[in-house]
Amino acid sequence: MPISVLIAHDFVLSTALEAAWMDELPLDRRIQISRWPSVRSRHRSLIASRLLREGLRQFGHRGTVLASLRYTPRGRPTLDLPVDFSISHCEGRVVCAVSTDGSIGVDVEAIGTLTGDDFPRYLNDGERAWAGRDPRRFCAVWTRKEAVAKAAGADSLDKLRDIDTRPAGEDAAFAGQLWQTSALDMGSAHVAHLAFRNRCATRVSSAWLELDLCIDRA
């Protein structure tokens, strides 16, 4: 299981649970979460942290595993552990991917009314032609781009334009490298993609967690 993907619906935390989960996190993560402007966004970030803790537990990392969590100069979260991880959340969904097989990126989006025509700056001609006026197709392109950007450590939204998702296939090209992208089943109202370098890393475990998030396990 070189890659584990954990998924949850977002839900409202009680004041006590929010405080308890926040207290478990290192200072850098608490500061990052506190910057979210809305309560729901803060709750999603806390849920993502719980998913990360569970993902690390699956790979044998237990105890205060988040103690070393910090942010790189480019703003990418990292741990002093032999794993890589990526988190993403939007209205309705929270996702965390943990990998022992190199860099990983994940992105999830709720399908709305936006299409490729609304973002000509970030989509190339082929991507816009494929997405057309279809919001789901636009989200498919966008989440693939975001997932690759996260996996590659891109430091700017402007870099999305340079990521070619090659809509006809599963590969995406960025900075002279190919990235494998894989769709994740999020239901009819959401789209999500995973990005990783190793084409052989096909053992992707995906699981939904809900009430299990509230269980403290060693």
N, C-alpha and C. Protein backbone atom coordinates (compact mmCIF):
# COMPACT_ATOMS: atom_id res chain seq x y z
N MET A 1 0.85 -1.20 0.00
CA MET A 1 0.00 0.00 0.00
C MET A 1 0.88 1.24 0.00
N PRO A 2 1.55 1.56 -1.11
CA PRO A 2 2.42 2.74 -1.11
C PRO A 2 1.67 4.05 -1.01
N ILE A 3 0.39 4.08 -1.39
CA ILE A 3 -0.40 5.30 -1.30
C ILE A 3 -1.72 5.01 -0.60
N SER A 4 -2.04 5.80 0.40
CA SER A 4 -3.30 5.69 1.12
C SER A 4 -4.06 7.00 0.98
N VAL A 5 -5.31 6.91 0.54
CA VAL A 5 -6.17 8.09 0.40
C VAL A 5 -7.32 7.96 1.38
N LEU A 6 -7.47 8.95 2.23
CA LEU A 6 -8.52 8.97 3.24
C LEU A 6 -9.46 10.13 2.95
N ILE A 7 -10.76 9.86 3.01
CA ILE A 7 -11.78 10.82 2.61
C ILE A 7 -12.83 10.95 3.70
N ALA A 8 -13.34 12.15 3.88
CA ALA A 8 -14.43 12.38 4.83
C ALA A 8 -15.34 13.47 4.31
N HIS A 9 -16.62 13.38 4.70
CA HIS A 9 -17.50 14.52 4.53
C HIS A 9 -17.05 15.60 5.51
N ASP A 10 -17.26 16.85 5.17
CA ASP A 10 -16.99 17.87 6.19
C ASP A 10 -18.20 17.95 7.12
N PHE A 11 -17.94 18.26 8.36
CA PHE A 11 -19.02 18.37 9.34
C PHE A 11 -18.64 19.42 10.37
N VAL A 12 -19.64 19.91 11.06
CA VAL A 12 -19.42 20.96 12.06
C VAL A 12 -18.91 20.33 13.35
N LEU A 13 -17.82 20.86 13.87
CA LEU A 13 -17.26 20.38 15.13
C LEU A 13 -17.86 21.15 16.30
N SER A 14 -18.06 20.45 17.39
CA SER A 14 -18.46 21.14 18.61
C SER A 14 -17.30 22.01 19.09
N THR A 15 -17.61 22.99 19.91
CA THR A 15 -16.56 23.88 20.43
C THR A 15 -15.49 23.08 21.18
N ALA A 16 -15.95 22.10 21.97
CA ALA A 16 -15.02 21.29 22.76
C ALA A 16 -14.13 20.44 21.85
N LEU A 17 -14.73 19.84 20.81
CA LEU A 17 -13.95 18.98 19.92
C LEU A 17 -12.97 19.81 19.10
N GLU A 18 -13.40 20.99 18.66
CA GLU A 18 -12.50 21.87 17.92
C GLU A 18 -11.28 22.23 18.77
N ALA A 19 -11.52 22.58 20.03
CA ALA A 19 -10.42 22.95 20.92
C ALA A 19 -9.49 21.77 21.18
N ALA A 20 -10.08 20.58 21.38
CA ALA A 20 -9.28 19.40 21.66
C ALA A 20 -8.40 19.03 20.46
N TRP A 21 -8.98 19.06 19.27
CA TRP A 21 -8.20 18.72 18.08
C TRP A 21 -7.13 19.77 17.80
N MET A 22 -7.45 21.03 18.05
CA MET A 22 -6.46 22.09 17.83
C MET A 22 -5.28 21.92 18.79
N ASP A 23 -5.55 21.55 20.02
CA ASP A 23 -4.49 21.39 21.02
C ASP A 23 -3.51 20.28 20.65
N GLU A 24 -3.95 19.32 19.83
CA GLU A 24 -3.09 18.21 19.44
C GLU A 24 -2.05 18.60 18.39
N LEU A 25 -2.24 19.77 17.78
CA LEU A 25 -1.42 20.15 16.63
C LEU A 25 -0.22 21.00 17.03
N PRO A 26 0.86 20.94 16.26
CA PRO A 26 2.01 21.82 16.52
C PRO A 26 1.63 23.26 16.20
N LEU A 27 2.43 24.19 16.71
CA LEU A 27 2.11 25.61 16.60
C LEU A 27 1.93 26.06 15.15
N ASP A 28 2.83 25.64 14.25
CA ASP A 28 2.73 26.09 12.86
C ASP A 28 1.39 25.72 12.24
N ARG A 29 0.92 24.52 12.52
CA ARG A 29 -0.36 24.08 11.97
C ARG A 29 -1.52 24.85 12.60
N ARG A 30 -1.45 25.11 13.89
CA ARG A 30 -2.51 25.89 14.54
C ARG A 30 -2.60 27.29 13.96
N ILE A 31 -1.44 27.89 13.71
CA ILE A 31 -1.42 29.23 13.12
C ILE A 31 -2.03 29.20 11.73
N GLN A 32 -1.66 28.18 10.94
CA GLN A 32 -2.17 28.09 9.58
C GLN A 32 -3.69 27.92 9.57
N ILE A 33 -4.20 27.09 10.46
CA ILE A 33 -5.65 26.87 10.52
C ILE A 33 -6.38 28.12 10.98
N SER A 34 -5.81 28.82 11.95
CA SER A 34 -6.47 30.01 12.49
C SER A 34 -6.61 31.12 11.46
N ARG A 35 -5.85 31.05 10.38
CA ARG A 35 -5.92 32.09 9.34
C ARG A 35 -7.11 31.91 8.41
N TRP A 36 -7.74 30.74 8.44
CA TRP A 36 -8.91 30.57 7.59
C TRP A 36 -10.01 31.52 8.04
N PRO A 37 -10.67 32.22 7.10
CA PRO A 37 -11.64 33.26 7.48
C PRO A 37 -12.96 32.72 8.01
N SER A 38 -13.29 31.47 7.70
CA SER A 38 -14.60 30.95 8.11
C SER A 38 -14.43 29.77 9.07
N VAL A 39 -15.43 29.59 9.91
CA VAL A 39 -15.42 28.47 10.85
C VAL A 39 -15.40 27.14 10.11
N ARG A 40 -16.21 27.02 9.05
CA ARG A 40 -16.27 25.76 8.31
C ARG A 40 -14.91 25.41 7.69
N SER A 41 -14.20 26.41 7.20
CA SER A 41 -12.88 26.14 6.63
C SER A 41 -11.91 25.66 7.71
N ARG A 42 -11.99 26.26 8.89
CA ARG A 42 -11.13 25.81 9.99
C ARG A 42 -11.46 24.37 10.38
N HIS A 43 -12.75 24.06 10.40
CA HIS A 43 -13.16 22.70 10.74
C HIS A 43 -12.66 21.70 9.69
N ARG A 44 -12.74 22.07 8.42
CA ARG A 44 -12.23 21.18 7.37
C ARG A 44 -10.73 20.94 7.53
N SER A 45 -10.00 21.98 7.90
CA SER A 45 -8.56 21.83 8.11
C SER A 45 -8.27 20.89 9.27
N LEU A 46 -9.07 20.99 10.31
CA LEU A 46 -8.89 20.10 11.46
C LEU A 46 -9.23 18.67 11.09
N ILE A 47 -10.29 18.48 10.31
CA ILE A 47 -10.64 17.14 9.84
C ILE A 47 -9.50 16.58 8.99
N ALA A 48 -8.92 17.42 8.14
CA ALA A 48 -7.79 16.99 7.32
C ALA A 48 -6.62 16.54 8.18
N SER A 49 -6.37 17.23 9.28
CA SER A 49 -5.28 16.85 10.17
C SER A 49 -5.55 15.49 10.81
N ARG A 50 -6.82 15.22 11.13
CA ARG A 50 -7.16 13.91 11.68
C ARG A 50 -6.99 12.81 10.63
N LEU A 51 -7.38 13.12 9.40
CA LEU A 51 -7.16 12.15 8.33
C LEU A 51 -5.67 11.86 8.15
N LEU A 52 -4.86 12.91 8.23
CA LEU A 52 -3.41 12.72 8.11
C LEU A 52 -2.89 11.84 9.22
N ARG A 53 -3.34 12.08 10.43
CA ARG A 53 -2.89 11.26 11.55
C ARG A 53 -3.26 9.79 11.33
N GLU A 54 -4.48 9.55 10.83
CA GLU A 54 -4.90 8.17 10.57
C GLU A 54 -4.09 7.55 9.44
N GLY A 55 -3.80 8.34 8.40
CA GLY A 55 -2.98 7.82 7.31
C GLY A 55 -1.59 7.43 7.77
N LEU A 56 -1.00 8.25 8.63
CA LEU A 56 0.32 7.93 9.17
C LEU A 56 0.26 6.68 10.04
N ARG A 57 -0.82 6.52 10.79
CA ARG A 57 -0.99 5.34 11.63
C ARG A 57 -1.01 4.07 10.77
N GLN A 58 -1.64 4.16 9.60
CA GLN A 58 -1.70 2.99 8.72
C GLN A 58 -0.32 2.55 8.26
N PHE A 59 0.62 3.49 8.20
CA PHE A 59 1.98 3.16 7.80
C PHE A 59 2.89 2.92 9.00
N GLY A 60 2.31 2.76 10.17
CA GLY A 60 3.08 2.40 11.35
C GLY A 60 3.61 3.55 12.17
N HIS A 61 3.22 4.78 11.84
CA HIS A 61 3.68 5.95 12.58
C HIS A 61 2.60 6.35 13.58
N ARG A 62 2.87 6.13 14.85
CA ARG A 62 1.88 6.34 15.89
C ARG A 62 2.38 7.36 16.91
N GLY A 63 1.51 7.67 17.86
CA GLY A 63 1.88 8.63 18.89
C GLY A 63 1.74 10.06 18.39
N THR A 64 2.65 10.92 18.81
CA THR A 64 2.59 12.34 18.45
C THR A 64 3.23 12.56 17.07
N VAL A 65 2.62 11.93 16.07
CA VAL A 65 3.23 11.90 14.73
C VAL A 65 3.21 13.27 14.04
N LEU A 66 2.34 14.17 14.49
CA LEU A 66 2.25 15.47 13.83
C LEU A 66 3.17 16.52 14.47
N ALA A 67 3.92 16.11 15.47
CA ALA A 67 4.75 17.07 16.21
C ALA A 67 5.77 17.76 15.32
N SER A 68 6.25 17.06 14.29
CA SER A 68 7.29 17.65 13.43
C SER A 68 6.71 18.38 12.22
N LEU A 69 5.40 18.52 12.15
CA LEU A 69 4.78 19.17 10.98
C LEU A 69 5.22 20.62 10.89
N ARG A 70 5.68 21.00 9.71
CA ARG A 70 6.12 22.37 9.48
C ARG A 70 5.88 22.71 8.02
N TYR A 71 6.17 23.94 7.63
CA TYR A 71 5.93 24.40 6.26
C TYR A 71 7.25 24.82 5.61
N THR A 72 7.44 24.40 4.37
CA THR A 72 8.64 24.77 3.62
C THR A 72 8.54 26.24 3.22
N PRO A 73 9.65 26.85 2.75
CA PRO A 73 9.58 28.24 2.29
C PRO A 73 8.53 28.47 1.20
N ARG A 74 8.18 27.42 0.47
CA ARG A 74 7.14 27.53 -0.56
C ARG A 74 5.74 27.29 -0.01
N GLY A 75 5.65 27.06 1.30
CA GLY A 75 4.35 26.88 1.92
C GLY A 75 3.82 25.46 1.89
N ARG A 76 4.66 24.50 1.51
CA ARG A 76 4.20 23.11 1.45
C ARG A 76 4.40 22.45 2.81
N PRO A 77 3.36 21.80 3.35
CA PRO A 77 3.52 21.13 4.64
C PRO A 77 4.39 19.88 4.50
N THR A 78 5.18 19.60 5.53
CA THR A 78 6.05 18.43 5.49
C THR A 78 6.25 17.90 6.90
N LEU A 79 6.72 16.67 7.00
CA LEU A 79 6.97 16.00 8.28
C LEU A 79 8.37 15.39 8.27
N ASP A 80 8.94 15.23 9.45
CA ASP A 80 10.23 14.54 9.58
C ASP A 80 10.00 13.04 9.65
N LEU A 81 9.35 12.51 8.63
CA LEU A 81 9.04 11.09 8.52
C LEU A 81 9.28 10.65 7.07
N PRO A 82 9.53 9.37 6.83
CA PRO A 82 9.78 8.89 5.46
C PRO A 82 8.50 8.74 4.64
N VAL A 83 7.69 9.76 4.64
CA VAL A 83 6.44 9.76 3.87
C VAL A 83 6.25 11.15 3.26
N ASP A 84 5.40 11.21 2.25
CA ASP A 84 4.93 12.49 1.74
C ASP A 84 3.42 12.50 1.87
N PHE A 85 2.83 13.68 1.94
CA PHE A 85 1.38 13.74 2.08
C PHE A 85 0.86 15.00 1.41
N SER A 86 -0.43 14.98 1.15
CA SER A 86 -1.10 16.14 0.56
C SER A 86 -2.53 16.15 1.07
N ILE A 87 -3.06 17.33 1.35
CA ILE A 87 -4.43 17.44 1.82
C ILE A 87 -5.18 18.46 0.96
N SER A 88 -6.49 18.27 0.88
CA SER A 88 -7.33 19.20 0.13
C SER A 88 -8.73 19.14 0.72
N HIS A 89 -9.42 20.27 0.68
CA HIS A 89 -10.81 20.27 1.14
C HIS A 89 -11.60 21.35 0.44
N CYS A 90 -12.88 21.11 0.35
CA CYS A 90 -13.82 22.06 -0.25
C CYS A 90 -15.16 21.83 0.44
N GLU A 91 -16.16 22.55 0.03
CA GLU A 91 -17.47 22.36 0.63
C GLU A 91 -17.94 20.92 0.38
N GLY A 92 -18.11 20.17 1.47
CA GLY A 92 -18.62 18.82 1.36
C GLY A 92 -17.61 17.70 1.42
N ARG A 93 -16.33 17.98 1.17
CA ARG A 93 -15.34 16.91 1.13
C ARG A 93 -14.00 17.35 1.73
N VAL A 94 -13.35 16.39 2.39
CA VAL A 94 -11.99 16.56 2.91
C VAL A 94 -11.20 15.32 2.49
N VAL A 95 -10.00 15.52 1.94
CA VAL A 95 -9.20 14.41 1.42
C VAL A 95 -7.76 14.55 1.90
N CYS A 96 -7.16 13.42 2.25
CA CYS A 96 -5.74 13.37 2.60
C CYS A 96 -5.11 12.17 1.90
N ALA A 97 -3.99 12.39 1.24
CA ALA A 97 -3.24 11.31 0.60
C ALA A 97 -1.87 11.20 1.26
N VAL A 98 -1.48 9.98 1.60
CA VAL A 98 -0.18 9.72 2.23
C VAL A 98 0.56 8.70 1.36
N SER A 99 1.83 8.97 1.08
CA SER A 99 2.61 8.11 0.19
C SER A 99 3.96 7.75 0.80
N THR A 100 4.35 6.49 0.63
CA THR A 100 5.71 6.06 0.96
C THR A 100 6.52 5.85 -0.31
N ASP A 101 5.99 6.32 -1.42
CA ASP A 101 6.61 6.06 -2.72
C ASP A 101 6.86 7.34 -3.49
N GLY A 102 7.31 8.39 -2.78
CA GLY A 102 7.64 9.64 -3.44
C GLY A 102 6.59 10.71 -3.29
N SER A 103 6.78 11.80 -4.00
CA SER A 103 5.91 12.97 -3.88
C SER A 103 4.48 12.65 -4.29
N ILE A 104 3.54 13.27 -3.59
CA ILE A 104 2.12 13.04 -3.82
C ILE A 104 1.39 14.38 -3.80
N GLY A 105 0.32 14.47 -4.58
CA GLY A 105 -0.52 15.66 -4.56
C GLY A 105 -1.97 15.24 -4.74
N VAL A 106 -2.88 15.94 -4.08
CA VAL A 106 -4.30 15.64 -4.22
C VAL A 106 -5.08 16.94 -4.23
N ASP A 107 -6.16 16.97 -5.00
CA ASP A 107 -7.04 18.13 -5.01
C ASP A 107 -8.47 17.68 -5.21
N VAL A 108 -9.39 18.31 -4.49
CA VAL A 108 -10.83 18.02 -4.63
C VAL A 108 -11.57 19.34 -4.79
N GLU A 109 -12.58 19.34 -5.64
CA GLU A 109 -13.38 20.53 -5.87
C GLU A 109 -14.85 20.14 -5.97
N ALA A 110 -15.71 21.02 -5.47
CA ALA A 110 -17.15 20.85 -5.67
C ALA A 110 -17.51 21.37 -7.05
N ILE A 111 -18.31 20.61 -7.78
CA ILE A 111 -18.71 21.02 -9.12
C ILE A 111 -19.70 22.18 -9.01
N GLY A 112 -19.38 23.28 -9.67
CA GLY A 112 -20.25 24.45 -9.65
C GLY A 112 -20.64 24.86 -11.04
N THR A 113 -20.59 26.14 -11.31
CA THR A 113 -20.98 26.66 -12.62
C THR A 113 -19.79 27.11 -13.46
N LEU A 114 -18.60 27.11 -12.88
CA LEU A 114 -17.41 27.56 -13.61
C LEU A 114 -17.03 26.58 -14.71
N THR A 115 -16.53 27.12 -15.81
CA THR A 115 -16.08 26.30 -16.93
C THR A 115 -14.70 26.77 -17.38
N GLY A 116 -14.14 26.06 -18.34
CA GLY A 116 -12.82 26.43 -18.84
C GLY A 116 -12.76 27.83 -19.42
N ASP A 117 -13.88 28.30 -19.94
CA ASP A 117 -13.91 29.65 -20.50
C ASP A 117 -13.70 30.73 -19.45
N ASP A 118 -13.94 30.38 -18.18
CA ASP A 118 -13.77 31.36 -17.10
C ASP A 118 -12.32 31.50 -16.66
N PHE A 119 -11.44 30.59 -17.09
CA PHE A 119 -10.05 30.61 -16.65
C PHE A 119 -9.09 30.44 -17.82
N PRO A 120 -9.19 31.30 -18.83
CA PRO A 120 -8.30 31.17 -19.99
C PRO A 120 -6.83 31.34 -19.64
N ARG A 121 -6.55 32.02 -18.54
CA ARG A 121 -5.16 32.26 -18.16
C ARG A 121 -4.46 30.98 -17.71
N TYR A 122 -5.22 30.03 -17.17
CA TYR A 122 -4.61 28.86 -16.55
C TYR A 122 -4.77 27.58 -17.36
N LEU A 123 -5.63 27.57 -18.38
CA LEU A 123 -5.83 26.40 -19.21
C LEU A 123 -5.27 26.66 -20.61
N ASN A 124 -4.59 25.67 -21.17
CA ASN A 124 -4.10 25.83 -22.53
C ASN A 124 -5.22 25.56 -23.53
N ASP A 125 -4.93 25.74 -24.81
CA ASP A 125 -5.98 25.62 -25.83
C ASP A 125 -6.61 24.23 -25.84
N GLY A 126 -5.78 23.20 -25.72
CA GLY A 126 -6.30 21.84 -25.73
C GLY A 126 -7.19 21.56 -24.54
N GLU A 127 -6.81 22.05 -23.37
CA GLU A 127 -7.61 21.84 -22.17
C GLU A 127 -8.95 22.57 -22.26
N ARG A 128 -8.92 23.81 -22.76
CA ARG A 128 -10.17 24.56 -22.90
C ARG A 128 -11.10 23.91 -23.92
N ALA A 129 -10.52 23.40 -25.00
CA ALA A 129 -11.34 22.73 -26.01
C ALA A 129 -11.99 21.48 -25.45
N TRP A 130 -11.24 20.72 -24.64
CA TRP A 130 -11.78 19.49 -24.06
C TRP A 130 -12.83 19.79 -23.00
N ALA A 131 -12.57 20.78 -22.17
CA ALA A 131 -13.50 21.11 -21.09
C ALA A 131 -14.77 21.77 -21.62
N GLY A 132 -14.65 22.58 -22.66
CA GLY A 132 -15.81 23.25 -23.22
C GLY A 132 -16.56 24.04 -22.17
N ARG A 133 -17.89 23.91 -22.19
CA ARG A 133 -18.74 24.58 -21.20
C ARG A 133 -19.25 23.61 -20.14
N ASP A 134 -18.54 22.52 -19.96
CA ASP A 134 -18.95 21.47 -19.02
C ASP A 134 -18.24 21.68 -17.68
N PRO A 135 -18.97 22.04 -16.61
CA PRO A 135 -18.34 22.28 -15.30
C PRO A 135 -17.59 21.06 -14.76
N ARG A 136 -18.12 19.85 -14.99
CA ARG A 136 -17.43 18.65 -14.50
C ARG A 136 -16.09 18.47 -15.20
N ARG A 137 -16.07 18.68 -16.50
CA ARG A 137 -14.81 18.54 -17.23
C ARG A 137 -13.81 19.62 -16.80
N PHE A 138 -14.32 20.82 -16.56
CA PHE A 138 -13.42 21.87 -16.07
C PHE A 138 -12.80 21.45 -14.74
N CYS A 139 -13.62 20.92 -13.83
CA CYS A 139 -13.10 20.48 -12.53
C CYS A 139 -12.10 19.35 -12.69
N ALA A 140 -12.31 18.49 -13.68
CA ALA A 140 -11.36 17.40 -13.91
C ALA A 140 -9.99 17.96 -14.31
N VAL A 141 -9.99 18.94 -15.22
CA VAL A 141 -8.73 19.57 -15.62
C VAL A 141 -8.10 20.29 -14.43
N TRP A 142 -8.91 21.06 -13.72
CA TRP A 142 -8.39 21.89 -12.62
C TRP A 142 -7.79 21.04 -11.50
N THR A 143 -8.49 19.97 -11.10
CA THR A 143 -7.98 19.15 -10.00
C THR A 143 -6.72 18.40 -10.41
N ARG A 144 -6.62 18.03 -11.67
CA ARG A 144 -5.37 17.40 -12.13
C ARG A 144 -4.22 18.39 -12.06
N LYS A 145 -4.47 19.61 -12.50
CA LYS A 145 -3.43 20.64 -12.44
C LYS A 145 -3.01 20.91 -10.99
N GLU A 146 -3.99 21.10 -10.12
CA GLU A 146 -3.69 21.40 -8.72
C GLU A 146 -2.93 20.24 -8.06
N ALA A 147 -3.35 19.01 -8.35
CA ALA A 147 -2.68 17.86 -7.75
C ALA A 147 -1.22 17.78 -8.19
N VAL A 148 -0.97 18.01 -9.48
CA VAL A 148 0.41 18.00 -9.97
C VAL A 148 1.21 19.14 -9.36
N ALA A 149 0.61 20.32 -9.28
CA ALA A 149 1.30 21.47 -8.68
C ALA A 149 1.71 21.18 -7.25
N LYS A 150 0.83 20.54 -6.48
CA LYS A 150 1.15 20.21 -5.10
C LYS A 150 2.26 19.16 -5.03
N ALA A 151 2.15 18.13 -5.84
CA ALA A 151 3.17 17.07 -5.82
C ALA A 151 4.53 17.61 -6.22
N ALA A 152 4.54 18.53 -7.18
CA ALA A 152 5.81 19.08 -7.68
C ALA A 152 6.34 20.22 -6.83
N GLY A 153 5.54 20.68 -5.86
CA GLY A 153 5.99 21.78 -5.01
C GLY A 153 5.96 23.12 -5.70
N ALA A 154 5.09 23.29 -6.69
CA ALA A 154 4.97 24.58 -7.38
C ALA A 154 4.56 25.66 -6.39
N ASP A 155 5.16 26.83 -6.50
CA ASP A 155 4.97 27.86 -5.49
C ASP A 155 4.05 28.99 -5.92
N SER A 156 3.36 28.82 -7.05
CA SER A 156 2.54 29.92 -7.54
C SER A 156 1.39 29.39 -8.37
N LEU A 157 0.23 30.04 -8.24
CA LEU A 157 -0.92 29.68 -9.05
C LEU A 157 -0.62 29.86 -10.53
N ASP A 158 0.28 30.79 -10.85
CA ASP A 158 0.64 31.02 -12.24
C ASP A 158 1.25 29.78 -12.89
N LYS A 159 1.81 28.88 -12.09
CA LYS A 159 2.43 27.68 -12.63
C LYS A 159 1.39 26.73 -13.24
N LEU A 160 0.12 26.89 -12.89
CA LEU A 160 -0.90 25.99 -13.42
C LEU A 160 -0.94 26.03 -14.94
N ARG A 161 -0.69 27.18 -15.50
CA ARG A 161 -0.69 27.31 -16.96
C ARG A 161 0.37 26.41 -17.58
N ASP A 162 1.47 26.19 -16.88
CA ASP A 162 2.57 25.39 -17.42
C ASP A 162 2.35 23.89 -17.28
N ILE A 163 1.31 23.49 -16.57
CA ILE A 163 1.00 22.07 -16.38
C ILE A 163 0.05 21.63 -17.48
N ASP A 164 0.50 20.72 -18.33
CA ASP A 164 -0.32 20.22 -19.43
C ASP A 164 -0.94 18.90 -19.01
N THR A 165 -2.26 18.91 -18.82
CA THR A 165 -2.94 17.70 -18.33
C THR A 165 -3.25 16.70 -19.43
N ARG A 166 -2.99 17.05 -20.67
CA ARG A 166 -3.19 16.10 -21.76
C ARG A 166 -4.52 15.37 -21.59
N PRO A 167 -5.64 16.05 -21.78
CA PRO A 167 -6.96 15.50 -21.44
C PRO A 167 -7.25 14.11 -21.99
N ALA A 168 -6.58 13.71 -23.06
CA ALA A 168 -6.87 12.40 -23.64
C ALA A 168 -6.28 11.25 -22.83
N GLY A 169 -5.36 11.51 -21.90
CA GLY A 169 -4.71 10.44 -21.16
C GLY A 169 -4.63 10.72 -19.68
N GLU A 170 -3.83 9.91 -18.97
CA GLU A 170 -3.69 10.05 -17.52
C GLU A 170 -2.41 10.77 -17.13
N ASP A 171 -1.51 10.97 -18.08
CA ASP A 171 -0.27 11.68 -17.78
C ASP A 171 -0.47 13.18 -17.81
N ALA A 172 0.33 13.88 -17.02
CA ALA A 172 0.39 15.34 -17.08
C ALA A 172 1.87 15.72 -17.12
N ALA A 173 2.19 16.74 -17.88
CA ALA A 173 3.58 17.17 -18.04
C ALA A 173 3.80 18.51 -17.36
N PHE A 174 4.92 18.60 -16.62
CA PHE A 174 5.26 19.85 -15.95
C PHE A 174 6.77 19.92 -15.73
N ALA A 175 7.37 21.00 -16.16
CA ALA A 175 8.80 21.26 -15.96
C ALA A 175 9.67 20.10 -16.44
N GLY A 176 9.31 19.53 -17.59
CA GLY A 176 10.10 18.47 -18.17
C GLY A 176 9.90 17.10 -17.56
N GLN A 177 8.93 16.96 -16.67
CA GLN A 177 8.67 15.68 -16.02
C GLN A 177 7.22 15.26 -16.27
N LEU A 178 7.01 13.94 -16.28
CA LEU A 178 5.67 13.40 -16.42
C LEU A 178 5.14 12.98 -15.05
N TRP A 179 3.88 13.27 -14.83
CA TRP A 179 3.20 12.89 -13.59
C TRP A 179 1.99 12.03 -13.94
N GLN A 180 1.82 10.98 -13.18
CA GLN A 180 0.64 10.14 -13.32
C GLN A 180 -0.50 10.76 -12.52
N THR A 181 -1.68 10.85 -13.13
CA THR A 181 -2.84 11.37 -12.40
C THR A 181 -3.93 10.31 -12.38
N SER A 182 -4.62 10.23 -11.26
CA SER A 182 -5.64 9.21 -11.08
C SER A 182 -6.88 9.84 -10.46
N ALA A 183 -8.04 9.58 -11.06
CA ALA A 183 -9.30 10.12 -10.53
C ALA A 183 -9.70 9.37 -9.26
N LEU A 184 -10.26 10.09 -8.31
CA LEU A 184 -10.78 9.52 -7.07
C LEU A 184 -12.29 9.65 -7.07
N ASP A 185 -12.99 8.62 -6.63
CA ASP A 185 -14.45 8.63 -6.61
C ASP A 185 -14.94 9.48 -5.45
N MET A 186 -15.56 10.61 -5.77
CA MET A 186 -16.06 11.54 -4.76
C MET A 186 -17.57 11.70 -4.82
N GLY A 187 -18.25 10.90 -5.64
CA GLY A 187 -19.68 11.08 -5.80
C GLY A 187 -20.00 12.01 -6.95
N SER A 188 -21.28 12.27 -7.14
CA SER A 188 -21.72 13.02 -8.32
C SER A 188 -21.48 14.52 -8.23
N ALA A 189 -21.25 15.05 -7.03
CA ALA A 189 -21.15 16.51 -6.87
C ALA A 189 -19.73 17.02 -6.71
N HIS A 190 -18.75 16.13 -6.73
CA HIS A 190 -17.36 16.53 -6.52
C HIS A 190 -16.44 15.80 -7.50
N VAL A 191 -15.28 16.40 -7.73
CA VAL A 191 -14.25 15.79 -8.57
C VAL A 191 -12.92 15.89 -7.82
N ALA A 192 -12.12 14.82 -7.87
CA ALA A 192 -10.81 14.83 -7.20
C ALA A 192 -9.82 14.03 -8.02
N HIS A 193 -8.56 14.44 -7.95
CA HIS A 193 -7.48 13.70 -8.62
C HIS A 193 -6.26 13.60 -7.71
N LEU A 194 -5.53 12.52 -7.92
CA LEU A 194 -4.27 12.24 -7.24
C LEU A 194 -3.16 12.38 -8.28
N ALA A 195 -2.00 12.86 -7.87
CA ALA A 195 -0.85 12.96 -8.78
C ALA A 195 0.38 12.38 -8.10
N PHE A 196 1.15 11.58 -8.86
CA PHE A 196 2.37 10.99 -8.33
C PHE A 196 3.30 10.67 -9.49
N ARG A 197 4.59 10.48 -9.20
CA ARG A 197 5.59 10.31 -10.24
C ARG A 197 5.69 8.87 -10.74
N ASN A 198 5.61 7.91 -9.84
CA ASN A 198 5.92 6.53 -10.17
C ASN A 198 4.73 5.84 -10.81
N ARG A 199 4.83 5.51 -12.09
CA ARG A 199 3.73 4.84 -12.78
C ARG A 199 3.48 3.45 -12.21
N CYS A 200 4.47 2.88 -11.53
CA CYS A 200 4.29 1.54 -10.97
C CYS A 200 3.55 1.57 -9.64
N ALA A 201 3.36 2.75 -9.09
CA ALA A 201 2.71 2.85 -7.77
C ALA A 201 1.20 2.77 -7.94
N THR A 202 0.73 1.61 -8.38
CA THR A 202 -0.70 1.45 -8.66
C THR A 202 -1.49 0.97 -7.45
N ARG A 203 -0.81 0.62 -6.39
CA ARG A 203 -1.51 0.14 -5.19
C ARG A 203 -1.97 1.35 -4.39
N VAL A 204 -3.14 1.85 -4.74
CA VAL A 204 -3.72 3.00 -4.06
C VAL A 204 -4.90 2.51 -3.23
N SER A 205 -4.81 2.66 -1.93
CA SER A 205 -5.89 2.29 -1.03
C SER A 205 -6.72 3.53 -0.73
N SER A 206 -8.04 3.42 -0.91
CA SER A 206 -8.93 4.56 -0.68
C SER A 206 -10.01 4.17 0.31
N ALA A 207 -10.25 5.00 1.32
CA ALA A 207 -11.24 4.68 2.34
C ALA A 207 -11.93 5.94 2.84
N TRP A 208 -13.21 5.80 3.15
CA TRP A 208 -13.98 6.89 3.76
C TRP A 208 -13.93 6.73 5.27
N LEU A 209 -13.70 7.82 5.97
CA LEU A 209 -13.71 7.81 7.43
C LEU A 209 -14.70 8.85 7.91
N GLU A 210 -15.51 8.49 8.88
CA GLU A 210 -16.46 9.46 9.44
C GLU A 210 -16.32 9.48 10.95
N LEU A 211 -17.10 8.65 11.64
CA LEU A 211 -17.06 8.64 13.10
C LEU A 211 -15.71 8.18 13.63
N ASP A 212 -14.97 7.40 12.81
CA ASP A 212 -13.65 6.94 13.24
C ASP A 212 -12.71 8.10 13.55
N LEU A 213 -12.98 9.26 12.96
CA LEU A 213 -12.11 10.41 13.20
C LEU A 213 -12.14 10.84 14.66
N CYS A 214 -13.23 10.54 15.34
CA CYS A 214 -13.39 10.99 16.72
C CYS A 214 -12.82 9.98 17.72
N ILE A 215 -12.26 8.88 17.21
CA ILE A 215 -11.69 7.86 18.09
C ILE A 215 -10.20 8.12 18.24
N ASP A 216 -9.74 8.23 19.46
CA ASP A 216 -8.31 8.40 19.71
C ASP A 216 -7.66 7.03 19.81
N ARG A 217 -6.76 6.76 18.87
CA ARG A 217 -6.07 5.47 18.85
C ARG A 217 -4.58 5.69 18.98
N ALA A 218 -3.94 4.81 19.68
CA ALA A 218 -2.50 4.92 19.89
C ALA A 218 -1.75 4.64 18.61
